Amino acid sequence: LFILPIVFYAWLTGFGGDLLITDQETSFT
């Protein structure tokens, strides 16, 4: 409950950087 609203806020505003650090050459499995 503490972290979920912060994650949602970060998703909307970009706070704290990208939630997912994408790299097309890297497998996320």
mmCIF file of all heavy atoms, coordinates in Angstrom:
data_MODEL
# 
_entry.id   MODEL 
# 
loop_
_atom_site.group_PDB 
_atom_site.id 
_atom_site.type_symbol 
_atom_site.label_atom_id 
_atom_site.label_alt_id 
_atom_site.label_comp_id 
_atom_site.label_asym_id 
_atom_site.label_entity_id 
_atom_site.label_seq_id 
_atom_site.pdbx_PDB_ins_code 
_atom_site.Cartn_x 
_atom_site.Cartn_y 
_atom_site.Cartn_z 
_atom_site.occupancy 
_atom_site.B_iso_or_equiv 
_atom_site.pdbx_formal_charge 
_atom_site.auth_seq_id 
_atom_site.auth_comp_id 
_atom_site.auth_asym_id 
_atom_site.auth_atom_id 
_atom_site.pdbx_PDB_model_num 
ATOM 1   N N   . LEU A 1 1  ? 0.818  -1.210  0.000   1.00 0.00 ? 1  LEU A N   1 
ATOM 2   C CA  . LEU A 1 1  ? 0.000  0.000   0.000   1.00 0.00 ? 1  LEU A CA  1 
ATOM 3   C C   . LEU A 1 1  ? 0.857  1.267   0.000   1.00 0.00 ? 1  LEU A C   1 
ATOM 4   O O   . LEU A 1 1  ? 0.452  2.294   -0.540  1.00 0.00 ? 1  LEU A O   1 
ATOM 5   C CB  . LEU A 1 1  ? -0.932 0.002   1.208   1.00 0.00 ? 1  LEU A CB  1 
ATOM 6   C CG  . LEU A 1 1  ? -2.054 -1.036  1.192   1.00 0.00 ? 1  LEU A CG  1 
ATOM 7   C CD1 . LEU A 1 1  ? -2.891 -0.928  2.469   1.00 0.00 ? 1  LEU A CD1 1 
ATOM 8   C CD2 . LEU A 1 1  ? -2.939 -0.846  -0.036  1.00 0.00 ? 1  LEU A CD2 1 
ATOM 9   N N   . PHE A 1 2  ? 2.035  1.187   0.613   1.00 0.00 ? 2  PHE A N   1 
ATOM 10  C CA  . PHE A 1 2  ? 2.920  2.351   0.651   1.00 0.00 ? 2  PHE A CA  1 
ATOM 11  C C   . PHE A 1 2  ? 3.565  2.609   -0.708  1.00 0.00 ? 2  PHE A C   1 
ATOM 12  O O   . PHE A 1 2  ? 3.640  3.747   -1.172  1.00 0.00 ? 2  PHE A O   1 
ATOM 13  C CB  . PHE A 1 2  ? 4.003  2.141   1.715   1.00 0.00 ? 2  PHE A CB  1 
ATOM 14  C CG  . PHE A 1 2  ? 5.130  3.135   1.651   1.00 0.00 ? 2  PHE A CG  1 
ATOM 15  C CD1 . PHE A 1 2  ? 4.929  4.468   1.968   1.00 0.00 ? 2  PHE A CD1 1 
ATOM 16  C CD2 . PHE A 1 2  ? 6.409  2.734   1.266   1.00 0.00 ? 2  PHE A CD2 1 
ATOM 17  C CE1 . PHE A 1 2  ? 5.968  5.386   1.909   1.00 0.00 ? 2  PHE A CE1 1 
ATOM 18  C CE2 . PHE A 1 2  ? 7.448  3.641   1.204   1.00 0.00 ? 2  PHE A CE2 1 
ATOM 19  C CZ  . PHE A 1 2  ? 7.223  4.982   1.529   1.00 0.00 ? 2  PHE A CZ  1 
ATOM 20  N N   . ILE A 1 3  ? 4.018  1.547   -1.369  1.00 0.00 ? 3  ILE A N   1 
ATOM 21  C CA  . ILE A 1 3  ? 4.807  1.717   -2.585  1.00 0.00 ? 3  ILE A CA  1 
ATOM 22  C C   . ILE A 1 3  ? 3.934  1.867   -3.837  1.00 0.00 ? 3  ILE A C   1 
ATOM 23  O O   . ILE A 1 3  ? 4.290  2.597   -4.764  1.00 0.00 ? 3  ILE A O   1 
ATOM 24  C CB  . ILE A 1 3  ? 5.793  0.539   -2.758  1.00 0.00 ? 3  ILE A CB  1 
ATOM 25  C CG1 . ILE A 1 3  ? 6.736  0.478   -1.558  1.00 0.00 ? 3  ILE A CG1 1 
ATOM 26  C CG2 . ILE A 1 3  ? 6.610  0.686   -4.037  1.00 0.00 ? 3  ILE A CG2 1 
ATOM 27  C CD1 . ILE A 1 3  ? 7.622  -0.750  -1.523  1.00 0.00 ? 3  ILE A CD1 1 
ATOM 28  N N   . LEU A 1 4  ? 2.767  1.185   -3.869  1.00 0.00 ? 4  LEU A N   1 
ATOM 29  C CA  . LEU A 1 4  ? 1.935  1.207   -5.073  1.00 0.00 ? 4  LEU A CA  1 
ATOM 30  C C   . LEU A 1 4  ? 1.557  2.619   -5.536  1.00 0.00 ? 4  LEU A C   1 
ATOM 31  O O   . LEU A 1 4  ? 1.694  2.925   -6.733  1.00 0.00 ? 4  LEU A O   1 
ATOM 32  C CB  . LEU A 1 4  ? 0.674  0.358   -4.865  1.00 0.00 ? 4  LEU A CB  1 
ATOM 33  C CG  . LEU A 1 4  ? -0.260 0.241   -6.076  1.00 0.00 ? 4  LEU A CG  1 
ATOM 34  C CD1 . LEU A 1 4  ? 0.490  -0.352  -7.275  1.00 0.00 ? 4  LEU A CD1 1 
ATOM 35  C CD2 . LEU A 1 4  ? -1.487 -0.604  -5.739  1.00 0.00 ? 4  LEU A CD2 1 
ATOM 36  N N   . PRO A 1 5  ? 1.099  3.519   -4.657  1.00 0.00 ? 5  PRO A N   1 
ATOM 37  C CA  . PRO A 1 5  ? 0.777  4.883   -5.125  1.00 0.00 ? 5  PRO A CA  1 
ATOM 38  C C   . PRO A 1 5  ? 1.997  5.620   -5.682  1.00 0.00 ? 5  PRO A C   1 
ATOM 39  O O   . PRO A 1 5  ? 1.869  6.408   -6.629  1.00 0.00 ? 5  PRO A O   1 
ATOM 40  C CB  . PRO A 1 5  ? 0.254  5.578   -3.860  1.00 0.00 ? 5  PRO A CB  1 
ATOM 41  C CG  . PRO A 1 5  ? -0.168 4.488   -2.954  1.00 0.00 ? 5  PRO A CG  1 
ATOM 42  C CD  . PRO A 1 5  ? 0.763  3.350   -3.233  1.00 0.00 ? 5  PRO A CD  1 
ATOM 43  N N   . ILE A 1 6  ? 3.192  5.345   -5.103  1.00 0.00 ? 6  ILE A N   1 
ATOM 44  C CA  . ILE A 1 6  ? 4.405  5.992   -5.600  1.00 0.00 ? 6  ILE A CA  1 
ATOM 45  C C   . ILE A 1 6  ? 4.742  5.476   -6.998  1.00 0.00 ? 6  ILE A C   1 
ATOM 46  O O   . ILE A 1 6  ? 5.151  6.233   -7.883  1.00 0.00 ? 6  ILE A O   1 
ATOM 47  C CB  . ILE A 1 6  ? 5.586  5.746   -4.630  1.00 0.00 ? 6  ILE A CB  1 
ATOM 48  C CG1 . ILE A 1 6  ? 5.232  6.236   -3.223  1.00 0.00 ? 6  ILE A CG1 1 
ATOM 49  C CG2 . ILE A 1 6  ? 6.841  6.455   -5.122  1.00 0.00 ? 6  ILE A CG2 1 
ATOM 50  C CD1 . ILE A 1 6  ? 6.299  5.936   -2.191  1.00 0.00 ? 6  ILE A CD1 1 
ATOM 51  N N   . VAL A 1 7  ? 4.558  4.152   -7.201  1.00 0.00 ? 7  VAL A N   1 
ATOM 52  C CA  . VAL A 1 7  ? 4.790  3.567   -8.530  1.00 0.00 ? 7  VAL A CA  1 
ATOM 53  C C   . VAL A 1 7  ? 3.824  4.169   -9.544  1.00 0.00 ? 7  VAL A C   1 
ATOM 54  O O   . VAL A 1 7  ? 4.208  4.515   -10.672 1.00 0.00 ? 7  VAL A O   1 
ATOM 55  C CB  . VAL A 1 7  ? 4.622  2.030   -8.480  1.00 0.00 ? 7  VAL A CB  1 
ATOM 56  C CG1 . VAL A 1 7  ? 4.632  1.438   -9.884  1.00 0.00 ? 7  VAL A CG1 1 
ATOM 57  C CG2 . VAL A 1 7  ? 5.725  1.400   -7.642  1.00 0.00 ? 7  VAL A CG2 1 
ATOM 58  N N   . PHE A 1 8  ? 2.564  4.322   -9.162  1.00 0.00 ? 8  PHE A N   1 
ATOM 59  C CA  . PHE A 1 8  ? 1.561  4.893   -10.062 1.00 0.00 ? 8  PHE A CA  1 
ATOM 60  C C   . PHE A 1 8  ? 1.903  6.342   -10.406 1.00 0.00 ? 8  PHE A C   1 
ATOM 61  O O   . PHE A 1 8  ? 1.823  6.760   -11.570 1.00 0.00 ? 8  PHE A O   1 
ATOM 62  C CB  . PHE A 1 8  ? 0.179  4.813   -9.409  1.00 0.00 ? 8  PHE A CB  1 
ATOM 63  C CG  . PHE A 1 8  ? -0.941 5.259   -10.308 1.00 0.00 ? 8  PHE A CG  1 
ATOM 64  C CD1 . PHE A 1 8  ? -1.298 4.514   -11.420 1.00 0.00 ? 8  PHE A CD1 1 
ATOM 65  C CD2 . PHE A 1 8  ? -1.634 6.431   -10.036 1.00 0.00 ? 8  PHE A CD2 1 
ATOM 66  C CE1 . PHE A 1 8  ? -2.331 4.918   -12.249 1.00 0.00 ? 8  PHE A CE1 1 
ATOM 67  C CE2 . PHE A 1 8  ? -2.669 6.849   -10.860 1.00 0.00 ? 8  PHE A CE2 1 
ATOM 68  C CZ  . PHE A 1 8  ? -3.020 6.086   -11.975 1.00 0.00 ? 8  PHE A CZ  1 
ATOM 69  N N   . TYR A 1 9  ? 2.332  7.095   -9.384  1.00 0.00 ? 9  TYR A N   1 
ATOM 70  C CA  . TYR A 1 9  ? 2.734  8.487   -9.606  1.00 0.00 ? 9  TYR A CA  1 
ATOM 71  C C   . TYR A 1 9  ? 3.956  8.557   -10.526 1.00 0.00 ? 9  TYR A C   1 
ATOM 72  O O   . TYR A 1 9  ? 4.028  9.400   -11.427 1.00 0.00 ? 9  TYR A O   1 
ATOM 73  C CB  . TYR A 1 9  ? 3.035  9.156   -8.265  1.00 0.00 ? 9  TYR A CB  1 
ATOM 74  C CG  . TYR A 1 9  ? 3.547  10.577  -8.386  1.00 0.00 ? 9  TYR A CG  1 
ATOM 75  C CD1 . TYR A 1 9  ? 2.685  11.631  -8.642  1.00 0.00 ? 9  TYR A CD1 1 
ATOM 76  C CD2 . TYR A 1 9  ? 4.913  10.855  -8.229  1.00 0.00 ? 9  TYR A CD2 1 
ATOM 77  C CE1 . TYR A 1 9  ? 3.150  12.940  -8.746  1.00 0.00 ? 9  TYR A CE1 1 
ATOM 78  C CE2 . TYR A 1 9  ? 5.388  12.143  -8.338  1.00 0.00 ? 9  TYR A CE2 1 
ATOM 79  C CZ  . TYR A 1 9  ? 4.506  13.180  -8.593  1.00 0.00 ? 9  TYR A CZ  1 
ATOM 80  O OH  . TYR A 1 9  ? 4.981  14.473  -8.706  1.00 0.00 ? 9  TYR A OH  1 
ATOM 81  N N   . ALA A 1 10 ? 4.900  7.637   -10.316 1.00 0.00 ? 10 ALA A N   1 
ATOM 82  C CA  . ALA A 1 10 ? 6.099  7.604   -11.163 1.00 0.00 ? 10 ALA A CA  1 
ATOM 83  C C   . ALA A 1 10 ? 5.749  7.263   -12.597 1.00 0.00 ? 10 ALA A C   1 
ATOM 84  O O   . ALA A 1 10 ? 6.334  7.798   -13.550 1.00 0.00 ? 10 ALA A O   1 
ATOM 85  C CB  . ALA A 1 10 ? 7.105  6.588   -10.598 1.00 0.00 ? 10 ALA A CB  1 
ATOM 86  N N   . TRP A 1 11 ? 4.772  6.376   -12.778 1.00 0.00 ? 11 TRP A N   1 
ATOM 87  C CA  . TRP A 1 11 ? 4.334  5.993   -14.123 1.00 0.00 ? 11 TRP A CA  1 
ATOM 88  C C   . TRP A 1 11 ? 3.694  7.176   -14.844 1.00 0.00 ? 11 TRP A C   1 
ATOM 89  O O   . TRP A 1 11 ? 3.902  7.385   -16.035 1.00 0.00 ? 11 TRP A O   1 
ATOM 90  C CB  . TRP A 1 11 ? 3.352  4.835   -14.016 1.00 0.00 ? 11 TRP A CB  1 
ATOM 91  C CG  . TRP A 1 11 ? 2.749  4.423   -15.327 1.00 0.00 ? 11 TRP A CG  1 
ATOM 92  C CD1 . TRP A 1 11 ? 3.398  3.899   -16.410 1.00 0.00 ? 11 TRP A CD1 1 
ATOM 93  C CD2 . TRP A 1 11 ? 1.371  4.523   -15.705 1.00 0.00 ? 11 TRP A CD2 1 
ATOM 94  N NE1 . TRP A 1 11 ? 2.513  3.664   -17.432 1.00 0.00 ? 11 TRP A NE1 1 
ATOM 95  C CE2 . TRP A 1 11 ? 1.257  4.024   -17.030 1.00 0.00 ? 11 TRP A CE2 1 
ATOM 96  C CE3 . TRP A 1 11 ? 0.215  4.958   -15.044 1.00 0.00 ? 11 TRP A CE3 1 
ATOM 97  C CZ2 . TRP A 1 11 ? 0.036  3.973   -17.697 1.00 0.00 ? 11 TRP A CZ2 1 
ATOM 98  C CZ3 . TRP A 1 11 ? -1.004 4.894   -15.701 1.00 0.00 ? 11 TRP A CZ3 1 
ATOM 99  C CH2 . TRP A 1 11 ? -1.081 4.417   -17.020 1.00 0.00 ? 11 TRP A CH2 1 
ATOM 100 N N   . LEU A 1 12 ? 2.951  8.003   -14.102 1.00 0.00 ? 12 LEU A N   1 
ATOM 101 C CA  . LEU A 1 12 ? 2.273  9.149   -14.709 1.00 0.00 ? 12 LEU A CA  1 
ATOM 102 C C   . LEU A 1 12 ? 3.224  10.303  -15.002 1.00 0.00 ? 12 LEU A C   1 
ATOM 103 O O   . LEU A 1 12 ? 3.080  11.005  -16.013 1.00 0.00 ? 12 LEU A O   1 
ATOM 104 C CB  . LEU A 1 12 ? 1.148  9.648   -13.795 1.00 0.00 ? 12 LEU A CB  1 
ATOM 105 C CG  . LEU A 1 12 ? -0.083 8.747   -13.651 1.00 0.00 ? 12 LEU A CG  1 
ATOM 106 C CD1 . LEU A 1 12 ? -1.051 9.342   -12.634 1.00 0.00 ? 12 LEU A CD1 1 
ATOM 107 C CD2 . LEU A 1 12 ? -0.767 8.559   -15.000 1.00 0.00 ? 12 LEU A CD2 1 
ATOM 108 N N   . THR A 1 13 ? 4.194  10.507  -14.118 1.00 0.00 ? 13 THR A N   1 
ATOM 109 C CA  . THR A 1 13 ? 5.027  11.707  -14.204 1.00 0.00 ? 13 THR A CA  1 
ATOM 110 C C   . THR A 1 13 ? 6.468  11.442  -14.622 1.00 0.00 ? 13 THR A C   1 
ATOM 111 O O   . THR A 1 13 ? 7.199  12.387  -14.930 1.00 0.00 ? 13 THR A O   1 
ATOM 112 C CB  . THR A 1 13 ? 5.047  12.427  -12.842 1.00 0.00 ? 13 THR A CB  1 
ATOM 113 O OG1 . THR A 1 13 ? 5.685  11.583  -11.869 1.00 0.00 ? 13 THR A OG1 1 
ATOM 114 C CG2 . THR A 1 13 ? 3.629  12.758  -12.375 1.00 0.00 ? 13 THR A CG2 1 
ATOM 115 N N   . GLY A 1 14 ? 6.902  10.190  -14.580 1.00 0.00 ? 14 GLY A N   1 
ATOM 116 C CA  . GLY A 1 14 ? 8.306  9.895   -14.868 1.00 0.00 ? 14 GLY A CA  1 
ATOM 117 C C   . GLY A 1 14 ? 9.205  10.123  -13.674 1.00 0.00 ? 14 GLY A C   1 
ATOM 118 O O   . GLY A 1 14 ? 10.435 10.123  -13.801 1.00 0.00 ? 14 GLY A O   1 
ATOM 119 N N   . PHE A 1 15 ? 8.616  10.305  -12.484 1.00 0.00 ? 15 PHE A N   1 
ATOM 120 C CA  . PHE A 1 15 ? 9.384  10.511  -11.261 1.00 0.00 ? 15 PHE A CA  1 
ATOM 121 C C   . PHE A 1 15 ? 10.293 9.314   -10.995 1.00 0.00 ? 15 PHE A C   1 
ATOM 122 O O   . PHE A 1 15 ? 9.858  8.165   -11.028 1.00 0.00 ? 15 PHE A O   1 
ATOM 123 C CB  . PHE A 1 15 ? 8.434  10.709  -10.072 1.00 0.00 ? 15 PHE A CB  1 
ATOM 124 C CG  . PHE A 1 15 ? 9.103  10.656  -8.728  1.00 0.00 ? 15 PHE A CG  1 
ATOM 125 C CD1 . PHE A 1 15 ? 9.845  11.721  -8.259  1.00 0.00 ? 15 PHE A CD1 1 
ATOM 126 C CD2 . PHE A 1 15 ? 8.983  9.526   -7.928  1.00 0.00 ? 15 PHE A CD2 1 
ATOM 127 C CE1 . PHE A 1 15 ? 10.455 11.669  -7.013  1.00 0.00 ? 15 PHE A CE1 1 
ATOM 128 C CE2 . PHE A 1 15 ? 9.588  9.468   -6.680  1.00 0.00 ? 15 PHE A CE2 1 
ATOM 129 C CZ  . PHE A 1 15 ? 10.324 10.544  -6.233  1.00 0.00 ? 15 PHE A CZ  1 
ATOM 130 N N   . GLY A 1 16 ? 11.562 9.581   -10.755 1.00 0.00 ? 16 GLY A N   1 
ATOM 131 C CA  . GLY A 1 16 ? 12.503 8.503   -10.441 1.00 0.00 ? 16 GLY A CA  1 
ATOM 132 C C   . GLY A 1 16 ? 13.008 7.730   -11.651 1.00 0.00 ? 16 GLY A C   1 
ATOM 133 O O   . GLY A 1 16 ? 13.667 6.722   -11.495 1.00 0.00 ? 16 GLY A O   1 
ATOM 134 N N   . GLY A 1 17 ? 12.692 8.199   -12.849 1.00 0.00 ? 17 GLY A N   1 
ATOM 135 C CA  . GLY A 1 17 ? 13.159 7.504   -14.057 1.00 0.00 ? 17 GLY A CA  1 
ATOM 136 C C   . GLY A 1 17 ? 12.153 6.482   -14.552 1.00 0.00 ? 17 GLY A C   1 
ATOM 137 O O   . GLY A 1 17 ? 11.066 6.310   -14.002 1.00 0.00 ? 17 GLY A O   1 
ATOM 138 N N   . ASP A 1 18 ? 12.505 5.806   -15.621 1.00 0.00 ? 18 ASP A N   1 
ATOM 139 C CA  . ASP A 1 18 ? 11.625 4.810   -16.223 1.00 0.00 ? 18 ASP A CA  1 
ATOM 140 C C   . ASP A 1 18 ? 11.422 3.625   -15.272 1.00 0.00 ? 18 ASP A C   1 
ATOM 141 O O   . ASP A 1 18 ? 12.368 3.169   -14.617 1.00 0.00 ? 18 ASP A O   1 
ATOM 142 C CB  . ASP A 1 18 ? 12.203 4.299   -17.539 1.00 0.00 ? 18 ASP A CB  1 
ATOM 143 C CG  . ASP A 1 18 ? 12.269 5.393   -18.609 1.00 0.00 ? 18 ASP A CG  1 
ATOM 144 O OD1 . ASP A 1 18 ? 11.442 6.324   -18.531 1.00 0.00 ? 18 ASP A OD1 1 
ATOM 145 O OD2 . ASP A 1 18 ? 13.149 5.304   -19.484 1.00 0.00 ? 18 ASP A OD2 1 
ATOM 146 N N   . LEU A 1 19 ? 10.177 3.126   -15.220 1.00 0.00 ? 19 LEU A N   1 
ATOM 147 C CA  . LEU A 1 19 ? 9.893  1.943   -14.411 1.00 0.00 ? 19 LEU A CA  1 
ATOM 148 C C   . LEU A 1 19 ? 10.532 0.706   -15.017 1.00 0.00 ? 19 LEU A C   1 
ATOM 149 O O   . LEU A 1 19 ? 10.956 -0.208  -14.308 1.00 0.00 ? 19 LEU A O   1 
ATOM 150 C CB  . LEU A 1 19 ? 8.378  1.740   -14.275 1.00 0.00 ? 19 LEU A CB  1 
ATOM 151 C CG  . LEU A 1 19 ? 7.623  2.820   -13.497 1.00 0.00 ? 19 LEU A CG  1 
ATOM 152 C CD1 . LEU A 1 19 ? 6.132  2.518   -13.482 1.00 0.00 ? 19 LEU A CD1 1 
ATOM 153 C CD2 . LEU A 1 19 ? 8.149  2.927   -12.067 1.00 0.00 ? 19 LEU A CD2 1 
ATOM 154 N N   . LEU A 1 20 ? 10.603 0.679   -16.330 1.00 0.00 ? 20 LEU A N   1 
ATOM 155 C CA  . LEU A 1 20 ? 11.223 -0.433  -17.049 1.00 0.00 ? 20 LEU A CA  1 
ATOM 156 C C   . LEU A 1 20 ? 12.353 0.115   -17.906 1.00 0.00 ? 20 LEU A C   1 
ATOM 157 O O   . LEU A 1 20 ? 12.142 0.989   -18.745 1.00 0.00 ? 20 LEU A O   1 
ATOM 158 C CB  . LEU A 1 20 ? 10.189 -1.131  -17.930 1.00 0.00 ? 20 LEU A CB  1 
ATOM 159 C CG  . LEU A 1 20 ? 10.670 -2.351  -18.716 1.00 0.00 ? 20 LEU A CG  1 
ATOM 160 C CD1 . LEU A 1 20 ? 11.023 -3.485  -17.764 1.00 0.00 ? 20 LEU A CD1 1 
ATOM 161 C CD2 . LEU A 1 20 ? 9.595  -2.803  -19.703 1.00 0.00 ? 20 LEU A CD2 1 
ATOM 162 N N   . ILE A 1 21 ? 13.576 -0.349  -17.653 1.00 0.00 ? 21 ILE A N   1 
ATOM 163 C CA  . ILE A 1 21 ? 14.736 0.120   -18.404 1.00 0.00 ? 21 ILE A CA  1 
ATOM 164 C C   . ILE A 1 21 ? 14.864 -0.761  -19.641 1.00 0.00 ? 21 ILE A C   1 
ATOM 165 O O   . ILE A 1 21 ? 15.379 -1.878  -19.580 1.00 0.00 ? 21 ILE A O   1 
ATOM 166 C CB  . ILE A 1 21 ? 16.013 0.061   -17.532 1.00 0.00 ? 21 ILE A CB  1 
ATOM 167 C CG1 . ILE A 1 21 ? 15.805 0.889   -16.259 1.00 0.00 ? 21 ILE A CG1 1 
ATOM 168 C CG2 . ILE A 1 21 ? 17.217 0.569   -18.301 1.00 0.00 ? 21 ILE A CG2 1 
ATOM 169 C CD1 . ILE A 1 21 ? 16.916 0.748   -15.252 1.00 0.00 ? 21 ILE A CD1 1 
ATOM 170 N N   . THR A 1 22 ? 14.346 -0.265  -20.749 1.00 0.00 ? 22 THR A N   1 
ATOM 171 C CA  . THR A 1 22 ? 14.235 -1.095  -21.949 1.00 0.00 ? 22 THR A CA  1 
ATOM 172 C C   . THR A 1 22 ? 15.552 -1.188  -22.701 1.00 0.00 ? 22 THR A C   1 
ATOM 173 O O   . THR A 1 22 ? 16.331 -0.257  -22.751 1.00 0.00 ? 22 THR A O   1 
ATOM 174 C CB  . THR A 1 22 ? 13.156 -0.534  -22.890 1.00 0.00 ? 22 THR A CB  1 
ATOM 175 O OG1 . THR A 1 22 ? 13.477 0.824   -23.204 1.00 0.00 ? 22 THR A OG1 1 
ATOM 176 C CG2 . THR A 1 22 ? 11.793 -0.577  -22.246 1.00 0.00 ? 22 THR A CG2 1 
ATOM 177 N N   . ASP A 1 23 ? 15.760 -2.347  -23.278 1.00 0.00 ? 23 ASP A N   1 
ATOM 178 C CA  . ASP A 1 23 ? 16.920 -2.601  -24.129 1.00 0.00 ? 23 ASP A CA  1 
ATOM 179 C C   . ASP A 1 23 ? 16.515 -3.717  -25.082 1.00 0.00 ? 23 ASP A C   1 
ATOM 180 O O   . ASP A 1 23 ? 16.317 -4.859  -24.678 1.00 0.00 ? 23 ASP A O   1 
ATOM 181 C CB  . ASP A 1 23 ? 18.135 -3.020  -23.291 1.00 0.00 ? 23 ASP A CB  1 
ATOM 182 C CG  . ASP A 1 23 ? 19.384 -3.189  -24.146 1.00 0.00 ? 23 ASP A CG  1 
ATOM 183 O OD1 . ASP A 1 23 ? 19.262 -3.258  -25.379 1.00 0.00 ? 23 ASP A OD1 1 
ATOM 184 O OD2 . ASP A 1 23 ? 20.489 -3.272  -23.570 1.00 0.00 ? 23 ASP A OD2 1 
ATOM 185 N N   . GLN A 1 24 ? 16.373 -3.394  -26.355 1.00 0.00 ? 24 GLN A N   1 
ATOM 186 C CA  . GLN A 1 24 ? 15.872 -4.362  -27.323 1.00 0.00 ? 24 GLN A CA  1 
ATOM 187 C C   . GLN A 1 24 ? 16.782 -5.580  -27.462 1.00 0.00 ? 24 GLN A C   1 
ATOM 188 O O   . GLN A 1 24 ? 16.343 -6.645  -27.881 1.00 0.00 ? 24 GLN A O   1 
ATOM 189 C CB  . GLN A 1 24 ? 15.694 -3.690  -28.691 1.00 0.00 ? 24 GLN A CB  1 
ATOM 190 C CG  . GLN A 1 24 ? 14.629 -2.607  -28.705 1.00 0.00 ? 24 GLN A CG  1 
ATOM 191 C CD  . GLN A 1 24 ? 14.464 -1.972  -30.069 1.00 0.00 ? 24 GLN A CD  1 
ATOM 192 O OE1 . GLN A 1 24 ? 15.248 -2.234  -30.980 1.00 0.00 ? 24 GLN A OE1 1 
ATOM 193 N NE2 . GLN A 1 24 ? 13.454 -1.134  -30.229 1.00 0.00 ? 24 GLN A NE2 1 
ATOM 194 N N   . GLU A 1 25 ? 18.062 -5.445  -27.130 1.00 0.00 ? 25 GLU A N   1 
ATOM 195 C CA  . GLU A 1 25 ? 18.991 -6.555  -27.285 1.00 0.00 ? 25 GLU A CA  1 
ATOM 196 C C   . GLU A 1 25 ? 19.071 -7.436  -26.036 1.00 0.00 ? 25 GLU A C   1 
ATOM 197 O O   . GLU A 1 25 ? 19.785 -8.418  -26.019 1.00 0.00 ? 25 GLU A O   1 
ATOM 198 C CB  . GLU A 1 25 ? 20.390 -6.013  -27.617 1.00 0.00 ? 25 GLU A CB  1 
ATOM 199 C CG  . GLU A 1 25 ? 20.445 -5.244  -28.940 1.00 0.00 ? 25 GLU A CG  1 
ATOM 200 C CD  . GLU A 1 25 ? 21.854 -4.746  -29.236 1.00 0.00 ? 25 GLU A CD  1 
ATOM 201 O OE1 . GLU A 1 25 ? 22.742 -4.989  -28.393 1.00 0.00 ? 25 GLU A OE1 1 
ATOM 202 O OE2 . GLU A 1 25 ? 22.055 -4.132  -30.288 1.00 0.00 ? 25 GLU A OE2 1 
ATOM 203 N N   . THR A 1 26 ? 18.344 -7.059  -24.990 1.00 0.00 ? 26 THR A N   1 
ATOM 204 C CA  . THR A 1 26 ? 18.434 -7.789  -23.730 1.00 0.00 ? 26 THR A CA  1 
ATOM 205 C C   . THR A 1 26 ? 17.139 -8.546  -23.458 1.00 0.00 ? 26 THR A C   1 
ATOM 206 O O   . THR A 1 26 ? 16.050 -8.000  -23.595 1.00 0.00 ? 26 THR A O   1 
ATOM 207 C CB  . THR A 1 26 ? 18.706 -6.806  -22.565 1.00 0.00 ? 26 THR A CB  1 
ATOM 208 O OG1 . THR A 1 26 ? 19.914 -6.111  -22.837 1.00 0.00 ? 26 THR A OG1 1 
ATOM 209 C CG2 . THR A 1 26 ? 18.846 -7.555  -21.257 1.00 0.00 ? 26 THR A CG2 1 
ATOM 210 N N   . SER A 1 27 ? 17.270 -9.814  -23.083 1.00 0.00 ? 27 SER A N   1 
ATOM 211 C CA  . SER A 1 27 ? 16.102 -10.602 -22.708 1.00 0.00 ? 27 SER A CA  1 
ATOM 212 C C   . SER A 1 27 ? 15.706 -10.279 -21.269 1.00 0.00 ? 27 SER A C   1 
ATOM 213 O O   . SER A 1 27 ? 16.552 -10.181 -20.383 1.00 0.00 ? 27 SER A O   1 
ATOM 214 C CB  . SER A 1 27 ? 16.426 -12.093 -22.826 1.00 0.00 ? 27 SER A CB  1 
ATOM 215 O OG  . SER A 1 27 ? 15.398 -12.862 -22.255 1.00 0.00 ? 27 SER A OG  1 
ATOM 216 N N   . PHE A 1 28 ? 14.408 -10.141 -21.057 1.00 0.00 ? 28 PHE A N   1 
ATOM 217 C CA  . PHE A 1 28 ? 13.911 -9.825  -19.715 1.00 0.00 ? 28 PHE A CA  1 
ATOM 218 C C   . PHE A 1 28 ? 13.379 -11.068 -19.005 1.00 0.00 ? 28 PHE A C   1 
ATOM 219 O O   . PHE A 1 28 ? 12.791 -10.962 -17.941 1.00 0.00 ? 28 PHE A O   1 
ATOM 220 C CB  . PHE A 1 28 ? 12.803 -8.764  -19.803 1.00 0.00 ? 28 PHE A CB  1 
ATOM 221 C CG  . PHE A 1 28 ? 13.318 -7.357  -19.833 1.00 0.00 ? 28 PHE A CG  1 
ATOM 222 C CD1 . PHE A 1 28 ? 13.844 -6.827  -20.990 1.00 0.00 ? 28 PHE A CD1 1 
ATOM 223 C CD2 . PHE A 1 28 ? 13.290 -6.572  -18.689 1.00 0.00 ? 28 PHE A CD2 1 
ATOM 224 C CE1 . PHE A 1 28 ? 14.334 -5.529  -21.022 1.00 0.00 ? 28 PHE A CE1 1 
ATOM 225 C CE2 . PHE A 1 28 ? 13.778 -5.276  -18.709 1.00 0.00 ? 28 PHE A CE2 1 
ATOM 226 C CZ  . PHE A 1 28 ? 14.298 -4.749  -19.876 1.00 0.00 ? 28 PHE A CZ  1 
ATOM 227 N N   . THR A 1 29 ? 13.608 -12.237 -19.578 1.00 0.00 ? 29 THR A N   1 
ATOM 228 C CA  . THR A 1 29 ? 13.062 -13.457 -18.988 1.00 0.00 ? 29 THR A CA  1 
ATOM 229 C C   . THR A 1 29 ? 13.647 -13.721 -17.608 1.00 0.00 ? 29 THR A C   1 
ATOM 230 O O   . THR A 1 29 ? 12.913 -13.870 -16.617 1.00 0.00 ? 29 THR A O   1 
ATOM 231 C CB  . THR A 1 29 ? 13.326 -14.668 -19.902 1.00 0.00 ? 29 THR A CB  1 
ATOM 232 O OG1 . THR A 1 29 ? 12.774 -14.413 -21.186 1.00 0.00 ? 29 THR A OG1 1 
ATOM 233 C CG2 . THR A 1 29 ? 12.696 -15.915 -19.304 1.00 0.00 ? 29 THR A CG2 1 
# 
